[in-house]
C-alpha atoms as a PDB file:
ATOM      1  CA  MET A   1      -7.133  -5.375 -26.798  1.00  0.00           C
ATOM      2  CA  PRO A   2      -6.231  -4.231 -23.244  1.00  0.00           C
ATOM      3  CA  GLU A   3      -3.257  -5.810 -21.487  1.00  0.00           C
ATOM      4  CA  LEU A   4      -2.162  -6.049 -17.861  1.00  0.00           C
ATOM      5  CA  ARG A   5       1.546  -5.493 -17.210  1.00  0.00           C
ATOM      6  CA  LYS A   6       3.463  -6.043 -13.971  1.00  0.00           C
ATOM      7  CA  ASP A   7       6.165  -3.704 -12.721  1.00  0.00           C
ATOM      8  CA  LEU A   8       9.489  -5.533 -12.510  1.00  0.00           C
ATOM      9  CA  VAL A   9      10.345  -4.153  -9.052  1.00  0.00           C
ATOM     10  CA  THR A  10       7.173  -3.257  -7.156  1.00  0.00           C
ATOM     11  CA  ARG A  11       5.197  -6.093  -8.801  1.00  0.00           C
ATOM     12  CA  GLU A  12       2.212  -3.782  -9.078  1.00  0.00           C
ATOM     13  CA  TRP A  13      -0.049  -4.248 -12.080  1.00  0.00           C
ATOM     14  CA  VAL A  14      -1.101  -1.578 -14.559  1.00  0.00           C
ATOM     15  CA  ILE A  15      -3.685  -1.767 -17.334  1.00  0.00           C
ATOM     16  CA  ILE A  16      -2.608  -0.689 -20.815  1.00  0.00           C
ATOM     17  CA  ALA A  17      -5.864   0.180 -22.592  1.00  0.00           C
ATOM     18  CA  PRO A  18      -5.240   2.164 -25.811  1.00  0.00           C
ATOM     19  CA  GLU A  19      -8.830   1.641 -26.956  1.00  0.00           C
ATOM     20  CA  ARG A  20      -9.998   3.981 -24.199  1.00  0.00           C
ATOM     21  CA  ALA A  21      -8.292   6.844 -26.006  1.00  0.00           C
ATOM     22  CA  ASP A  22     -11.149   6.680 -28.533  1.00  0.00           C
ATOM     23  CA  ARG A  23     -13.518   8.076 -25.894  1.00  0.00           C
ATOM     24  CA  GLY A  24     -12.045  11.547 -26.467  1.00  0.00           C
ATOM     25  CA  GLY A  25     -11.096  14.007 -23.751  1.00  0.00           C
ATOM     26  CA  ASP A  26      -8.508  11.724 -22.160  1.00  0.00           C
ATOM     27  CA  PHE A  27      -5.728  14.296 -22.668  1.00  0.00           C
ATOM     28  CA  PRO A  28      -7.427  17.330 -21.084  1.00  0.00           C
ATOM     29  CA  TRP A  29      -4.243  19.424 -20.985  1.00  0.00           C
ATOM     30  CA  SER A  30      -4.613  22.833 -22.577  1.00  0.00           C
ATOM     31  CA  ALA A  31      -1.796  25.317 -23.148  1.00  0.00           C
ATOM     32  CA  VAL A  32      -4.039  28.070 -21.745  1.00  0.00           C
ATOM     33  CA  GLU A  33      -3.655  28.242 -17.966  1.00  0.00           C
ATOM     34  CA  PRO A  34      -4.619  30.897 -15.431  1.00  0.00           C
ATOM     35  CA  PRO A  35      -1.626  33.017 -14.372  1.00  0.00           C
ATOM     36  CA  THR A  36       0.366  31.487 -11.546  1.00  0.00           C
ATOM     37  CA  ALA A  37       0.831  33.391  -8.313  1.00  0.00           C
ATOM     38  CA  LYS A  38       3.369  36.223  -8.348  1.00  0.00           C
ATOM     39  CA  ASP A  39       3.613  36.047 -12.147  1.00  0.00           C
ATOM     40  CA  GLY A  40       5.352  38.704 -14.221  1.00  0.00           C
ATOM     41  CA  ALA A  41       6.768  41.888 -12.770  1.00  0.00           C
ATOM     42  CA  SER A  42       6.018  41.016  -9.144  1.00  0.00           C
ATOM     43  CA  CYS A  43       7.871  37.673  -9.027  1.00  0.00           C
ATOM     44  CA  PRO A  44      10.168  37.443  -5.963  1.00  0.00           C
ATOM     45  CA  PHE A  45      12.412  34.926  -7.741  1.00  0.00           C
ATOM     46  CA  ASP A  46      13.518  37.502 -10.322  1.00  0.00           C
ATOM     47  CA  ARG A  47      16.904  39.182 -10.363  1.00  0.00           C
ATOM     48  CA  GLY A  48      16.912  42.283  -8.130  1.00  0.00           C
ATOM     49  CA  ARG A  49      14.114  41.025  -5.856  1.00  0.00           C
ATOM     50  CA  GLU A  50      16.287  38.911  -3.568  1.00  0.00           C
ATOM     51  CA  GLY A  51      15.004  40.772  -0.507  1.00  0.00           C
ATOM     52  CA  GLU A  52      11.495  39.447  -1.144  1.00  0.00           C
ATOM     53  CA  THR A  53      12.424  35.811  -0.455  1.00  0.00           C
ATOM     54  CA  PRO A  54      13.478  34.152   2.808  1.00  0.00           C
ATOM     55  CA  GLN A  55      17.218  34.412   3.515  1.00  0.00           C
ATOM     56  CA  GLU A  56      19.420  32.648   0.986  1.00  0.00           C
ATOM     57  CA  ILE A  57      20.687  29.159   1.910  1.00  0.00           C
ATOM     58  CA  ALA A  58      23.089  28.718  -1.001  1.00  0.00           C
ATOM     59  CA  ALA A  59      23.843  30.281  -4.368  1.00  0.00           C
ATOM     60  CA  TYR A  60      26.219  30.134  -7.285  1.00  0.00           C
ATOM     61  CA  ARG A  61      27.385  33.709  -7.687  1.00  0.00           C
ATOM     62  CA  PRO A  62      30.574  35.649  -8.518  1.00  0.00           C
ATOM     63  CA  ALA A  63      33.218  35.763  -5.812  1.00  0.00           C
ATOM     64  CA  GLY A  64      32.940  38.838  -3.651  1.00  0.00           C
ATOM     65  CA  THR A  65      29.178  39.275  -3.997  1.00  0.00           C
ATOM     66  CA  GLY A  66      27.155  38.954  -0.823  1.00  0.00           C
ATOM     67  CA  PRO A  67      24.147  36.723  -0.165  1.00  0.00           C
ATOM     68  CA  ASN A  68      20.701  38.033  -1.067  1.00  0.00           C
ATOM     69  CA  THR A  69      22.109  40.342  -3.748  1.00  0.00           C
ATOM     70  CA  PRO A  70      21.958  40.181  -7.573  1.00  0.00           C
ATOM     71  CA  GLY A  71      24.580  38.383  -9.619  1.00  0.00           C
ATOM     72  CA  TRP A  72      23.645  34.754  -8.885  1.00  0.00           C
ATOM     73  CA  TRP A  73      22.770  32.190 -11.542  1.00  0.00           C
ATOM     74  CA  VAL A  74      21.314  29.432  -9.285  1.00  0.00           C
ATOM     75  CA  ARG A  75      19.920  30.268  -5.859  1.00  0.00           C
ATOM     76  CA  VAL A  76      18.380  28.291  -2.983  1.00  0.00           C
ATOM     77  CA  VAL A  77      15.995  29.681  -0.363  1.00  0.00           C
ATOM     78  CA  PRO A  78      13.716  28.102   2.239  1.00  0.00           C
ATOM     79  CA  ASN A  79      10.165  27.563   1.065  1.00  0.00           C
ATOM     80  CA  LYS A  80       8.085  30.439   2.417  1.00  0.00           C
ATOM     81  CA  PHE A  81       5.294  27.987   3.280  1.00  0.00           C
ATOM     82  CA  PRO A  82       7.224  24.844   4.276  1.00  0.00           C
ATOM     83  CA  ALA A  83       5.714  21.398   4.558  1.00  0.00           C
ATOM     84  CA  LEU A  84       8.295  20.621   7.271  1.00  0.00           C
ATOM     85  CA  THR A  85      10.565  22.888   9.325  1.00  0.00           C
ATOM     86  CA  VAL A  86      14.238  22.425  10.095  1.00  0.00           C
ATOM     87  CA  GLU A  87      14.135  23.938  13.583  1.00  0.00           C
ATOM     88  CA  GLY A  88      13.245  21.804  16.583  1.00  0.00           C
ATOM     89  CA  GLU A  89      13.734  18.378  18.095  1.00  0.00           C
ATOM     90  CA  LEU A  90      12.459  15.186  16.516  1.00  0.00           C
ATOM     91  CA  SER A  91      10.062  13.347  18.814  1.00  0.00           C
ATOM     92  CA  VAL A  92       7.379  10.698  18.498  1.00  0.00           C
ATOM     93  CA  ARG A  93       4.231  10.518  20.590  1.00  0.00           C
ATOM     94  CA  SER A  94       1.215   8.244  20.896  1.00  0.00           C
ATOM     95  CA  VAL A  95      -2.280   9.575  20.349  1.00  0.00           C
ATOM     96  CA  ASN A  96      -4.576   6.848  21.631  1.00  0.00           C
ATOM     97  CA  ILE A  97      -4.047   4.027  19.103  1.00  0.00           C
ATOM     98  CA  TYR A  98      -2.238   6.370  16.702  1.00  0.00           C
ATOM     99  CA  GLU A  99       1.296   7.661  16.323  1.00  0.00           C
ATOM    100  CA  ALA A 100       2.428  11.210  15.586  1.00  0.00           C
ATOM    101  CA  MET A 101       5.794  12.896  15.057  1.00  0.00           C
ATOM    102  CA  THR A 102       6.996  16.471  15.182  1.00  0.00           C
ATOM    103  CA  GLY A 103       7.100  18.026  11.707  1.00  0.00           C
ATOM    104  CA  ILE A 104      10.875  18.204  11.463  1.00  0.00           C
ATOM    105  CA  GLY A 105      12.496  18.282   8.031  1.00  0.00           C
ATOM    106  CA  ALA A 106      13.686  20.699   5.380  1.00  0.00           C
ATOM    107  CA  HIS A 107      11.821  22.313   2.492  1.00  0.00           C
ATOM    108  CA  GLU A 108      13.895  24.317   0.026  1.00  0.00           C
ATOM    109  CA  VAL A 109      13.297  26.045  -3.299  1.00  0.00           C
ATOM    110  CA  ILE A 110      15.999  25.835  -5.978  1.00  0.00           C
ATOM    111  CA  ILE A 111      15.616  28.834  -8.302  1.00  0.00           C
ATOM    112  CA  GLU A 112      17.053  27.573 -11.573  1.00  0.00           C
ATOM    113  CA  THR A 113      17.735  30.877 -13.302  1.00  0.00           C
ATOM    114  CA  ALA A 114      17.446  34.613 -12.678  1.00  0.00           C
ATOM    115  CA  GLU A 115      15.440  35.015 -15.914  1.00  0.00           C
ATOM    116  CA  HIS A 116      11.700  35.051 -15.281  1.00  0.00           C
ATOM    117  CA  GLN A 117      10.565  33.775 -18.687  1.00  0.00           C
ATOM    118  CA  ALA A 118      13.139  30.964 -18.954  1.00  0.00           C
ATOM    119  CA  SER A 119      12.184  27.284 -19.100  1.00  0.00           C
ATOM    120  CA  LEU A 120      14.419  24.473 -17.841  1.00  0.00           C
ATOM    121  CA  ALA A 121      13.877  22.636 -21.129  1.00  0.00           C
ATOM    122  CA  ARG A 122      15.176  25.633 -23.086  1.00  0.00           C
ATOM    123  CA  LEU A 123      18.040  26.812 -20.905  1.00  0.00           C
ATOM    124  CA  GLU A 124      21.608  26.599 -22.172  1.00  0.00           C
ATOM    125  CA  LEU A 125      23.112  23.208 -21.386  1.00  0.00           C
ATOM    126  CA  LYS A 126      25.698  24.758 -19.065  1.00  0.00           C
ATOM    127  CA  GLN A 127      22.913  26.295 -16.963  1.00  0.00           C
ATOM    128  CA  VAL A 128      21.109  22.942 -16.672  1.00  0.00           C
ATOM    129  CA  GLU A 129      24.407  21.443 -15.488  1.00  0.00           C
ATOM    130  CA  GLU A 130      24.574  24.129 -12.795  1.00  0.00           C
ATOM    131  CA  VAL A 131      21.067  23.198 -11.643  1.00  0.00           C
ATOM    132  CA  VAL A 132      22.093  19.526 -11.373  1.00  0.00           C
ATOM    133  CA  TRP A 133      25.203  20.509  -9.403  1.00  0.00           C
ATOM    134  CA  MET A 134      22.997  22.449  -6.976  1.00  0.00           C
ATOM    135  CA  TYR A 135      20.710  19.432  -6.574  1.00  0.00           C
ATOM    136  CA  ARG A 136      23.788  17.420  -5.618  1.00  0.00           C
ATOM    137  CA  ASP A 137      25.222  20.074  -3.292  1.00  0.00           C
ATOM    138  CA  ARG A 138      22.005  20.535  -1.353  1.00  0.00           C
ATOM    139  CA  TYR A 139      21.469  16.763  -1.168  1.00  0.00           C
ATOM    140  CA  LEU A 140      24.949  16.258   0.290  1.00  0.00           C
ATOM    141  CA  ASP A 141      24.542  19.067   2.801  1.00  0.00           C
ATOM    142  CA  LEU A 142      21.194  17.882   4.145  1.00  0.00           C
ATOM    143  CA  SER A 143      22.261  14.230   4.224  1.00  0.00           C
ATOM    144  CA  ARG A 144      24.602  15.122   7.099  1.00  0.00           C
ATOM    145  CA  ASP A 145      21.614  15.881   9.361  1.00  0.00           C
ATOM    146  CA  ARG A 146      21.003  12.671  11.314  1.00  0.00           C
ATOM    147  CA  ARG A 147      17.358  13.572  11.850  1.00  0.00           C
ATOM    148  CA  PHE A 148      16.599  13.015   8.172  1.00  0.00           C
ATOM    149  CA  GLN A 149      15.921   9.623   6.630  1.00  0.00           C
ATOM    150  CA  TYR A 150      15.031  10.613   3.092  1.00  0.00           C
ATOM    151  CA  ILE A 151      15.614  13.489   0.653  1.00  0.00           C
ATOM    152  CA  LEU A 152      13.474  14.029  -2.428  1.00  0.00           C
ATOM    153  CA  VAL A 153      14.434  16.480  -5.167  1.00  0.00           C
ATOM    154  CA  PHE A 154      11.389  17.236  -7.311  1.00  0.00           C
ATOM    155  CA  ARG A 155       9.996  19.643  -9.877  1.00  0.00           C
ATOM    156  CA  ASN A 156       6.410  20.767 -10.514  1.00  0.00           C
ATOM    157  CA  HIS A 157       5.949  22.400 -13.914  1.00  0.00           C
ATOM    158  CA  ARG A 158       2.853  24.528 -14.472  1.00  0.00           C
ATOM    159  CA  ARG A 159      -0.216  24.954 -12.331  1.00  0.00           C
ATOM    160  CA  GLY A 160      -1.680  21.631 -13.500  1.00  0.00           C
ATOM    161  CA  ALA A 161       1.257  19.853 -11.808  1.00  0.00           C
ATOM    162  CA  GLY A 162       0.993  21.775  -8.546  1.00  0.00           C
ATOM    163  CA  SER A 163       3.248  24.766  -9.196  1.00  0.00           C
ATOM    164  CA  SER A 164       2.161  28.108  -7.757  1.00  0.00           C
ATOM    165  CA  MET A 165       5.086  30.072  -9.252  1.00  0.00           C
ATOM    166  CA  ALA A 166       5.741  30.605 -12.960  1.00  0.00           C
ATOM    167  CA  HIS A 167       9.482  31.244 -12.494  1.00  0.00           C
ATOM    168  CA  ALA A 168      11.577  28.128 -13.229  1.00  0.00           C
ATOM    169  CA  HIS A 169      12.331  26.339  -9.977  1.00  0.00           C
ATOM    170  CA  SER A 170      12.647  22.931  -8.339  1.00  0.00           C
ATOM    171  CA  GLN A 171      12.162  21.923  -4.722  1.00  0.00           C
ATOM    172  CA  LEU A 172      13.700  19.629  -2.148  1.00  0.00           C
ATOM    173  CA  ILE A 173      12.099  18.112   0.931  1.00  0.00           C
ATOM    174  CA  ALA A 174      13.983  16.119   3.588  1.00  0.00           C
ATOM    175  CA  THR A 175      11.832  13.909   5.819  1.00  0.00           C
ATOM    176  CA  PRO A 176      12.432  12.094   9.120  1.00  0.00           C
ATOM    177  CA  VAL A 177      10.812   8.932   7.711  1.00  0.00           C
ATOM    178  CA  VAL A 178      11.216   6.875   4.524  1.00  0.00           C
ATOM    179  CA  PRO A 179       8.129   7.271   2.277  1.00  0.00           C
ATOM    180  CA  VAL A 180       6.108   4.122   1.616  1.00  0.00           C
ATOM    181  CA  ALA A 181       6.671   4.248  -2.154  1.00  0.00           C
ATOM    182  CA  VAL A 182      10.434   4.224  -1.626  1.00  0.00           C
ATOM    183  CA  ARG A 183      10.242   1.421   0.940  1.00  0.00           C
ATOM    184  CA  HIS A 184       8.274  -0.681  -1.563  1.00  0.00           C
ATOM    185  CA  GLU A 185      10.942  -0.008  -4.192  1.00  0.00           C
ATOM    186  CA  VAL A 186      13.762  -0.958  -1.805  1.00  0.00           C
ATOM    187  CA  GLU A 187      11.979  -4.183  -0.890  1.00  0.00           C
ATOM    188  CA  GLY A 188      11.203  -5.038  -4.511  1.00  0.00           C
ATOM    189  CA  LEU A 189      14.833  -4.551  -5.525  1.00  0.00           C
ATOM    190  CA  ARG A 190      15.962  -6.726  -2.618  1.00  0.00           C
ATOM    191  CA  GLN A 191      13.585  -9.533  -3.574  1.00  0.00           C
ATOM    192  CA  TYR A 192      14.593  -9.388  -7.228  1.00  0.00           C
ATOM    193  CA  ALA A 193      18.286  -9.589  -6.340  1.00  0.00           C
ATOM    194  CA  GLU A 194      17.730 -12.578  -4.051  1.00  0.00           C
ATOM    195  CA  TYR A 195      15.465 -14.465  -6.471  1.00  0.00           C
ATOM    196  CA  HIS A 196      17.619 -13.924  -9.563  1.00  0.00           C
ATOM    197  CA  ASN A 197      20.972 -14.010  -7.762  1.00  0.00           C
ATOM    198  CA  ARG A 198      21.884 -10.714  -9.452  1.00  0.00           C
ATOM    199  CA  CYS A 199      22.465  -7.309  -7.933  1.00  0.00           C
ATOM    200  CA  CYS A 200      19.995  -5.006  -9.635  1.00  0.00           C
ATOM    201  CA  ALA A 201      16.640  -5.201 -11.404  1.00  0.00           C
ATOM    202  CA  TYR A 202      17.153  -1.769 -12.915  1.00  0.00           C
ATOM    203  CA  CYS A 203      20.512  -2.764 -14.420  1.00  0.00           C
ATOM    204  CA  ASP A 204      18.728  -5.698 -16.061  1.00  0.00           C
ATOM    205  CA  MET A 205      15.960  -3.362 -17.214  1.00  0.00           C
ATOM    206  CA  VAL A 206      18.413  -0.931 -18.786  1.00  0.00           C
ATOM    207  CA  ALA A 207      20.242  -3.771 -20.573  1.00  0.00           C
ATOM    208  CA  ALA A 208      16.965  -5.181 -21.916  1.00  0.00           C
ATOM    209  CA  GLU A 209      15.710  -1.803 -23.104  1.00  0.00           C
ATOM    210  CA  VAL A 210      18.994  -0.926 -24.816  1.00  0.00           C
ATOM    211  CA  ALA A 211      18.937  -4.286 -26.594  1.00  0.00           C
ATOM    212  CA  SER A 212      15.355  -3.850 -27.813  1.00  0.00           C
ATOM    213  CA  GLY A 213      15.321  -0.082 -28.325  1.00  0.00           C
ATOM    214  CA  GLU A 214      11.525  -0.192 -28.475  1.00  0.00           C
ATOM    215  CA  ARG A 215      10.894   1.965 -25.422  1.00  0.00           C
ATOM    216  CA  VAL A 216      14.046   4.109 -25.500  1.00  0.00           C
ATOM    217  CA  VAL A 217      13.467   7.870 -25.819  1.00  0.00           C
ATOM    218  CA  ALA A 218      17.069   9.125 -25.676  1.00  0.00           C
ATOM    219  CA  GLN A 219      20.485   7.968 -24.539  1.00  0.00           C
ATOM    220  CA  ASN A 220      24.056   9.122 -24.189  1.00  0.00           C
ATOM    221  CA  LYS A 221      27.269   7.721 -22.730  1.00  0.00           C
ATOM    222  CA  GLU A 222      26.190   7.801 -19.077  1.00  0.00           C
ATOM    223  CA  PHE A 223      22.343   7.821 -19.122  1.00  0.00           C
ATOM    224  CA  ILE A 224      19.275   6.400 -20.820  1.00  0.00           C
ATOM    225  CA  ALA A 225      15.727   7.769 -20.899  1.00  0.00           C
ATOM    226  CA  LEU A 226      12.954   5.218 -21.477  1.00  0.00           C
ATOM    227  CA  GLU A 227       9.245   4.547 -21.159  1.00  0.00           C
ATOM    228  CA  PRO A 228       8.796   1.828 -18.495  1.00  0.00           C
ATOM    229  CA  PHE A 229       7.243  -1.436 -19.704  1.00  0.00           C
ATOM    230  CA  ALA A 230       4.500  -1.078 -17.069  1.00  0.00           C
ATOM    231  CA  SER A 231       4.014   2.686 -17.453  1.00  0.00           C
ATOM    232  CA  ARG A 232       1.325   4.058 -15.165  1.00  0.00           C
ATOM    233  CA  PHE A 233       0.766   7.262 -17.133  1.00  0.00           C
ATOM    234  CA  PRO A 234       0.934   8.371 -20.784  1.00  0.00           C
ATOM    235  CA  PHE A 235       4.497   9.371 -21.694  1.00  0.00           C
ATOM    236  CA  GLU A 236       5.854   8.472 -18.241  1.00  0.00           C
ATOM    237  CA  THR A 237       9.627   8.594 -18.699  1.00  0.00           C
ATOM    238  CA  TRP A 238      12.400   7.323 -16.421  1.00  0.00           C
ATOM    239  CA  VAL A 239      16.052   8.362 -16.640  1.00  0.00           C
ATOM    240  CA  PHE A 240      18.646   5.843 -15.409  1.00  0.00           C
ATOM    241  CA  PRO A 241      22.401   6.159 -14.981  1.00  0.00           C
ATOM    242  CA  ARG A 242      24.112   3.297 -16.800  1.00  0.00           C
ATOM    243  CA  ARG A 243      26.506   2.955 -13.868  1.00  0.00           C
ATOM    244  CA  HIS A 244      24.967   1.092 -10.946  1.00  0.00           C
ATOM    245  CA  THR A 245      25.012   3.356  -7.916  1.00  0.00           C
ATOM    246  CA  PRO A 246      22.487   3.717  -5.095  1.00  0.00           C
ATOM    247  CA  HIS A 247      23.267   7.365  -4.326  1.00  0.00           C
ATOM    248  CA  PHE A 248      22.254  10.289  -6.515  1.00  0.00           C
ATOM    249  CA  ALA A 249      24.920  12.403  -4.806  1.00  0.00           C
ATOM    250  CA  ALA A 250      27.640  10.057  -6.112  1.00  0.00           C
ATOM    251  CA  LEU A 251      27.431  11.753  -9.535  1.00  0.00           C
ATOM    252  CA  THR A 252      30.780  12.269 -11.244  1.00  0.00           C
ATOM    253  CA  PRO A 253      31.476  15.461 -13.248  1.00  0.00           C
ATOM    254  CA  GLU A 254      30.995  13.506 -16.479  1.00  0.00           C
ATOM    255  CA  GLU A 255      27.671  12.148 -15.216  1.00  0.00           C
ATOM    256  CA  VAL A 256      26.511  15.644 -14.264  1.00  0.00           C
ATOM    257  CA  LYS A 257      27.098  16.767 -17.859  1.00  0.00           C
ATOM    258  CA  ASP A 258      25.299  13.780 -19.363  1.00  0.00           C
ATOM    259  CA  LEU A 259      22.412  13.947 -16.887  1.00  0.00           C
ATOM    260  CA  ALA A 260      21.905  17.619 -17.745  1.00  0.00           C
ATOM    261  CA  ALA A 261      22.019  16.794 -21.461  1.00  0.00           C
ATOM    262  CA  ILE A 262      19.541  13.916 -21.365  1.00  0.00           C
ATOM    263  CA  LEU A 263      17.227  15.730 -18.956  1.00  0.00           C
ATOM    264  CA  ARG A 264      17.113  18.783 -21.195  1.00  0.00           C
ATOM    265  CA  GLU A 265      16.592  16.667 -24.328  1.00  0.00           C
ATOM    266  CA  THR A 266      13.779  14.670 -22.713  1.00  0.00           C
ATOM    267  CA  LEU A 267      12.057  17.820 -21.460  1.00  0.00           C
ATOM    268  CA  LEU A 268      12.392  19.385 -24.915  1.00  0.00           C
ATOM    269  CA  ARG A 269      10.836  16.353 -26.581  1.00  0.00           C
ATOM    270  CA  ILE A 270       7.887  16.556 -24.197  1.00  0.00           C
ATOM    271  CA  ASP A 271       7.683  20.343 -24.578  1.00  0.00           C
ATOM    272  CA  VAL A 272       7.666  20.294 -28.395  1.00  0.00           C
ATOM    273  CA  GLY A 273       5.877  16.991 -28.918  1.00  0.00           C
ATOM    274  CA  LEU A 274       3.099  17.447 -26.350  1.00  0.00           C
ATOM    275  CA  GLY A 275       2.716  21.228 -26.242  1.00  0.00           C
ATOM    276  CA  ASP A 276       4.614  22.014 -23.035  1.00  0.00           C
ATOM    277  CA  PRO A 277       2.231  20.167 -20.686  1.00  0.00           C
ATOM    278  CA  PRO A 278       2.290  20.221 -16.892  1.00  0.00           C
ATOM    279  CA  TYR A 279       4.642  17.595 -15.502  1.00  0.00           C
ATOM    280  CA  ASN A 280       6.299  16.419 -12.328  1.00  0.00           C
ATOM    281  CA  TYR A 281       9.661  14.812 -11.969  1.00  0.00           C
ATOM    282  CA  PHE A 282      11.433  13.492  -8.906  1.00  0.00           C
ATOM    283  CA  ILE A 283      14.666  11.737  -8.082  1.00  0.00           C
ATOM    284  CA  HIS A 284      14.535   8.435  -6.218  1.00  0.00           C
ATOM    285  CA  SER A 285      17.798   7.838  -4.371  1.00  0.00           C
ATOM    286  CA  VAL A 286      18.561   5.290  -1.677  1.00  0.00           C
ATOM    287  CA  PRO A 287      17.275   6.228   1.802  1.00  0.00           C
ATOM    288  CA  LEU A 288      19.846   7.793   4.091  1.00  0.00           C
ATOM    289  CA  ASN A 289      21.524   5.626   6.725  1.00  0.00           C
ATOM    290  CA  MET A 290      20.296   2.387   5.137  1.00  0.00           C
ATOM    291  CA  GLU A 291      22.194  -0.837   5.828  1.00  0.00           C
ATOM    292  CA  ARG A 292      24.981  -1.302   3.279  1.00  0.00           C
ATOM    293  CA  GLU A 293      23.813  -4.700   2.021  1.00  0.00           C
ATOM    294  CA  LEU A 294      20.261  -3.473   1.432  1.00  0.00           C
ATOM    295  CA  ALA A 295      21.397  -0.179  -0.086  1.00  0.00           C
ATOM    296  CA  ALA A 296      23.666  -1.998  -2.540  1.00  0.00           C
ATOM    297  CA  ASN A 297      20.643  -3.233  -4.519  1.00  0.00           C
ATOM    298  CA  PHE A 298      19.289   0.262  -5.114  1.00  0.00           C
ATOM    299  CA  HIS A 299      19.814   2.111  -8.409  1.00  0.00           C
ATOM    300  CA  TRP A 300      18.943   5.795  -8.270  1.00  0.00           C
ATOM    301  CA  HIS A 301      16.871   7.258 -11.107  1.00  0.00           C
ATOM    302  CA  LEU A 302      14.638  10.141 -12.134  1.00  0.00           C
ATOM    303  CA  GLU A 303      10.931   9.630 -12.858  1.00  0.00           C
ATOM    304  CA  LEU A 304       9.121  12.157 -15.070  1.00  0.00           C
ATOM    305  CA  ILE A 305       5.326  12.152 -15.329  1.00  0.00           C
ATOM    306  CA  PRO A 306       3.457  14.453 -17.728  1.00  0.00           C
ATOM    307  CA  ARG A 307       0.053  15.348 -16.254  1.00  0.00           C
ATOM    308  CA  LEU A 308      -2.085  14.498 -19.257  1.00  0.00           C
ATOM    309  CA  THR A 309      -4.791  12.428 -17.577  1.00  0.00           C
ATOM    310  CA  VAL A 310      -6.591  12.451 -14.253  1.00  0.00           C
ATOM    311  CA  ALA A 311      -6.725   9.505 -11.838  1.00  0.00           C
ATOM    312  CA  ALA A 312     -10.365   8.528 -11.315  1.00  0.00           C
ATOM    313  CA  GLY A 313     -12.321   6.178  -9.085  1.00  0.00           C
ATOM    314  CA  PHE A 314     -10.752   2.918 -10.220  1.00  0.00           C
ATOM    315  CA  GLU A 315      -7.204   4.210  -9.798  1.00  0.00           C
ATOM    316  CA  LEU A 316      -7.924   5.772  -6.408  1.00  0.00           C
ATOM    317  CA  GLY A 317      -9.753   2.681  -5.188  1.00  0.00           C
ATOM    318  CA  THR A 318      -7.172   0.127  -6.311  1.00  0.00           C
ATOM    319  CA  VAL A 319      -3.898   2.039  -6.894  1.00  0.00           C
ATOM    320  CA  MET A 320      -3.915   0.175 -10.224  1.00  0.00           C
ATOM    321  CA  TYR A 321      -3.509   2.652 -13.054  1.00  0.00           C
ATOM    322  CA  ILE A 322      -5.131   2.597 -16.476  1.00  0.00           C
ATOM    323  CA  ASN A 323      -2.780   3.952 -19.155  1.00  0.00           C
ATOM    324  CA  ILE A 324      -4.285   4.709 -22.567  1.00  0.00           C
ATOM    325  CA  MET A 325      -0.892   5.250 -24.226  1.00  0.00           C
ATOM    326  CA  PRO A 326       1.239   2.100 -24.672  1.00  0.00           C
ATOM    327  CA  PRO A 327       4.858   2.928 -23.741  1.00  0.00           C
ATOM    328  CA  GLU A 328       6.135   1.613 -27.078  1.00  0.00           C
ATOM    329  CA  ARG A 329       3.950   4.108 -28.938  1.00  0.00           C
ATOM    330  CA  ALA A 330       4.876   6.896 -26.512  1.00  0.00           C
ATOM    331  CA  ALA A 331       8.623   6.287 -26.981  1.00  0.00           C
ATOM    332  CA  GLN A 332       8.270   6.260 -30.760  1.00  0.00           C
ATOM    333  CA  ARG A 333       6.337   9.510 -30.714  1.00  0.00           C
ATOM    334  CA  LEU A 334       8.903  11.252 -28.517  1.00  0.00           C
ATOM    335  CA  ARG A 335      11.832   9.931 -30.571  1.00  0.00           C
ATOM    336  CA  GLN A 336      10.240  11.318 -33.715  1.00  0.00           C
ATOM    337  CA  VAL A 337       9.918  14.853 -32.332  1.00  0.00           C
ATOM    338  CA  ASP A 338      11.984  17.141 -34.555  1.00  0.00           C
ATOM    339  CA  LEU A 339      14.030  19.294 -32.218  1.00  0.00           C
ATOM    340  CA  GLY A 340      15.773  21.022 -35.110  1.00  0.00           C
ATOM    341  CA  SER A 341      18.066  23.720 -33.777  1.00  0.00           C
ATOM    342  CA  LEU A 342      16.449  23.703 -30.306  1.00  0.00           C
ATOM    343  CA  LEU A 343      18.770  21.055 -28.919  1.00  0.00           C
ATOM    344  CA  GLY A 344      21.901  22.633 -30.363  1.00  0.00           C
ATOM    345  CA  ALA A 345      25.255  21.055 -31.025  1.00  0.00           C
ATOM    346  CA  GLU A 346      26.209  21.415 -27.360  1.00  0.00           C
ATOM    347  CA  GLY A 347      23.588  18.846 -26.324  1.00  0.00           C
ATOM    348  CA  LYS A 348      24.392  16.249 -28.981  1.00  0.00           C
ATOM    349  CA  LYS A 349      26.684  13.279 -28.571  1.00  0.00           C
END
């Protein structure tokens, strides 16, 4: 029968209703999608087309090669159609009873490989490590801008998850405010720490999940991937560092390697097991410039959401999600995916 489950941190309820899967049509994802914009030979993210993008912000490339030229293996450019712009002064104004702010921020595209047909899930492990290093480098650079309060690294895979470009890429947006979802998480972690007289709800969650193993998808020395107890979506997967740290940018070299390995393995399990569906992932790190005592409770993590179902009236009206795939069953299914030679010895521990 259906069950309501409460999120440990936000204290929001979700409904786990596996019986609703019998209705049919609840996983509408199809592998056949219309071509994404600039697909194929005309893609500006491809090697040799560097002049078709905005001017390069950063790149990993051989010494002696100039910006906006071939040779790079990870490259960052401004988004051609930015949600926020880096130029200008931050100001707030009143509009009658309302409040508005200038659209100051940063919106960057991280091109993960020069190969057009490549997939992040199927890149060599070393290349995924390079992508993670670029996430960290760009995060550190933008965190120095005092106008910004929050930085979100995120990835939209396939058109069904909001991607308009087929070429493998991630994005980063820096905002002058802290998003509500992150503020709720910060507050929930603070309340948990005060009530239980312990530092971190997510540390407790990781310990409990490792002990039970029921919802674990993958793990290595530094990270664990799991299906949250109160999963909002089918096959929703979170990746936690075992080490408690509020800041994503505090990654050590060893953690970069293990994050790349577990991210690639998790993406491969979803790719092979679910037919390469659309997905989004994003990294929740502590807000910039947050008070030290409040920041200490935070535990950065990555949330990955396959786009297999569509939020309908109940979800939109209540922000209470109905999940037809119990996380225990989802974790078991992903663990059982046979990766064969896809993962390779380099990704195994």
